[in-house]
Amino acid sequence: MRVIADIPHARYKIQIFLYNAKYLVKIELGQFEQTFKIAESDVNGLEELKRMVTDQLLRNSLERFLSMRADWEEAFKNKEI
């Protein structure tokens, strides 16, 4: 797996990888990450894939990150049981 692009963003670390004929778009925020996979054949190249990383996708990702954090905090409570 190799990094083929970074997408600059003030809040997230966004990287695009290429692995086994698939693009992987990884969005990181703190200790959490989300990865979206798409076949190379489903897009017309890297630039089209970058355009798919829209403000709406990132807003939705933030909602998932908040949910992930809440889930993790709840799970963390169980470590002492």
Protein backbone atom coordinates (compact mmCIF):
# COMPACT_ATOMS: atom_id res chain seq x y z
CA MET A 1 0.00 0.00 0.00
CA ARG A 2 1.40 3.35 -0.92
CA VAL A 3 0.31 6.94 -0.36
CA ILE A 4 -0.40 8.61 -3.67
CA ALA A 5 -1.91 11.88 -2.43
CA ASP A 6 -2.53 14.08 0.57
CA ILE A 7 -5.48 16.42 0.66
CA PRO A 8 -4.74 19.44 2.84
CA HIS A 9 -7.38 20.24 5.44
CA ALA A 10 -7.44 22.33 8.61
CA ARG A 11 -9.19 19.69 10.74
CA TYR A 12 -8.44 16.29 9.21
CA LYS A 13 -5.50 14.35 7.91
CA ILE A 14 -6.69 13.06 4.55
CA GLN A 15 -4.62 10.62 2.52
CA ILE A 16 -5.29 8.58 -0.58
CA PHE A 17 -3.64 5.20 -0.94
CA LEU A 18 -3.44 2.74 -3.81
CA TYR A 19 -3.59 -0.96 -2.96
CA ASN A 20 -4.71 -4.03 -4.93
CA ALA A 21 -6.40 -2.00 -7.69
CA LYS A 22 -8.35 0.00 -5.11
CA TYR A 23 -8.11 3.56 -3.92
CA LEU A 24 -8.41 4.00 -0.18
CA VAL A 25 -9.41 7.42 1.13
CA LYS A 26 -8.40 7.67 4.78
CA ILE A 27 -9.72 10.48 6.93
CA GLU A 28 -8.18 10.84 10.40
CA LEU A 29 -9.23 12.95 13.34
CA GLY A 30 -7.26 12.41 16.53
CA GLN A 31 -7.21 8.74 17.45
CA PHE A 32 -10.01 7.81 15.06
CA GLU A 33 -10.00 7.12 11.34
CA GLN A 34 -12.44 6.28 8.58
CA THR A 35 -11.47 4.58 5.35
CA PHE A 36 -13.44 4.51 2.14
CA LYS A 37 -12.47 2.00 -0.57
CA ILE A 38 -13.25 2.33 -4.26
CA ALA A 39 -12.07 0.29 -7.22
CA GLU A 40 -9.72 2.06 -9.62
CA SER A 41 -12.13 1.17 -12.42
CA ASP A 42 -15.02 3.01 -10.71
CA VAL A 43 -13.45 6.46 -11.11
CA ASN A 44 -11.64 8.29 -13.87
CA GLY A 45 -8.41 8.82 -12.02
CA LEU A 46 -7.07 10.48 -8.93
CA GLU A 47 -8.40 13.97 -9.64
CA GLU A 48 -11.97 12.69 -9.90
CA LEU A 49 -11.52 10.81 -6.63
CA LYS A 50 -10.22 13.96 -4.93
CA ARG A 51 -13.33 15.85 -6.09
CA MET A 52 -15.45 13.24 -4.33
CA VAL A 53 -14.01 14.36 -0.97
CA THR A 54 -16.58 17.12 -0.57
CA ASP A 55 -17.53 19.36 2.33
CA GLN A 56 -20.66 17.25 2.75
CA LEU A 57 -18.64 14.03 2.98
CA LEU A 58 -16.42 15.64 5.61
CA ARG A 59 -19.42 16.95 7.60
CA ASN A 60 -20.88 13.43 7.60
CA SER A 61 -17.50 12.06 8.63
CA LEU A 62 -17.43 14.45 11.58
CA GLU A 63 -20.80 13.11 12.73
CA ARG A 64 -19.42 9.56 12.54
CA PHE A 65 -16.28 10.60 14.42
CA LEU A 66 -18.43 12.02 17.22
CA SER A 67 -20.44 8.81 17.32
CA MET A 68 -17.25 6.74 17.31
CA ARG A 69 -15.89 8.74 20.23
CA ALA A 70 -19.11 8.28 22.21
CA ASP A 71 -19.05 4.54 21.51
CA TRP A 72 -15.42 4.31 22.56
CA GLU A 73 -15.99 6.27 25.74
CA GLU A 74 -18.84 3.92 26.62
CA ALA A 75 -16.72 0.86 25.85
CA PHE A 76 -13.87 2.30 27.89
CA LYS A 77 -16.10 2.30 30.97
CA ASN A 78 -16.21 -1.51 30.72
CA LYS A 79 -12.45 -1.90 31.16
CA GLU A 80 -12.82 -1.87 34.93
CA ILE A 81 -15.72 -4.31 35.16
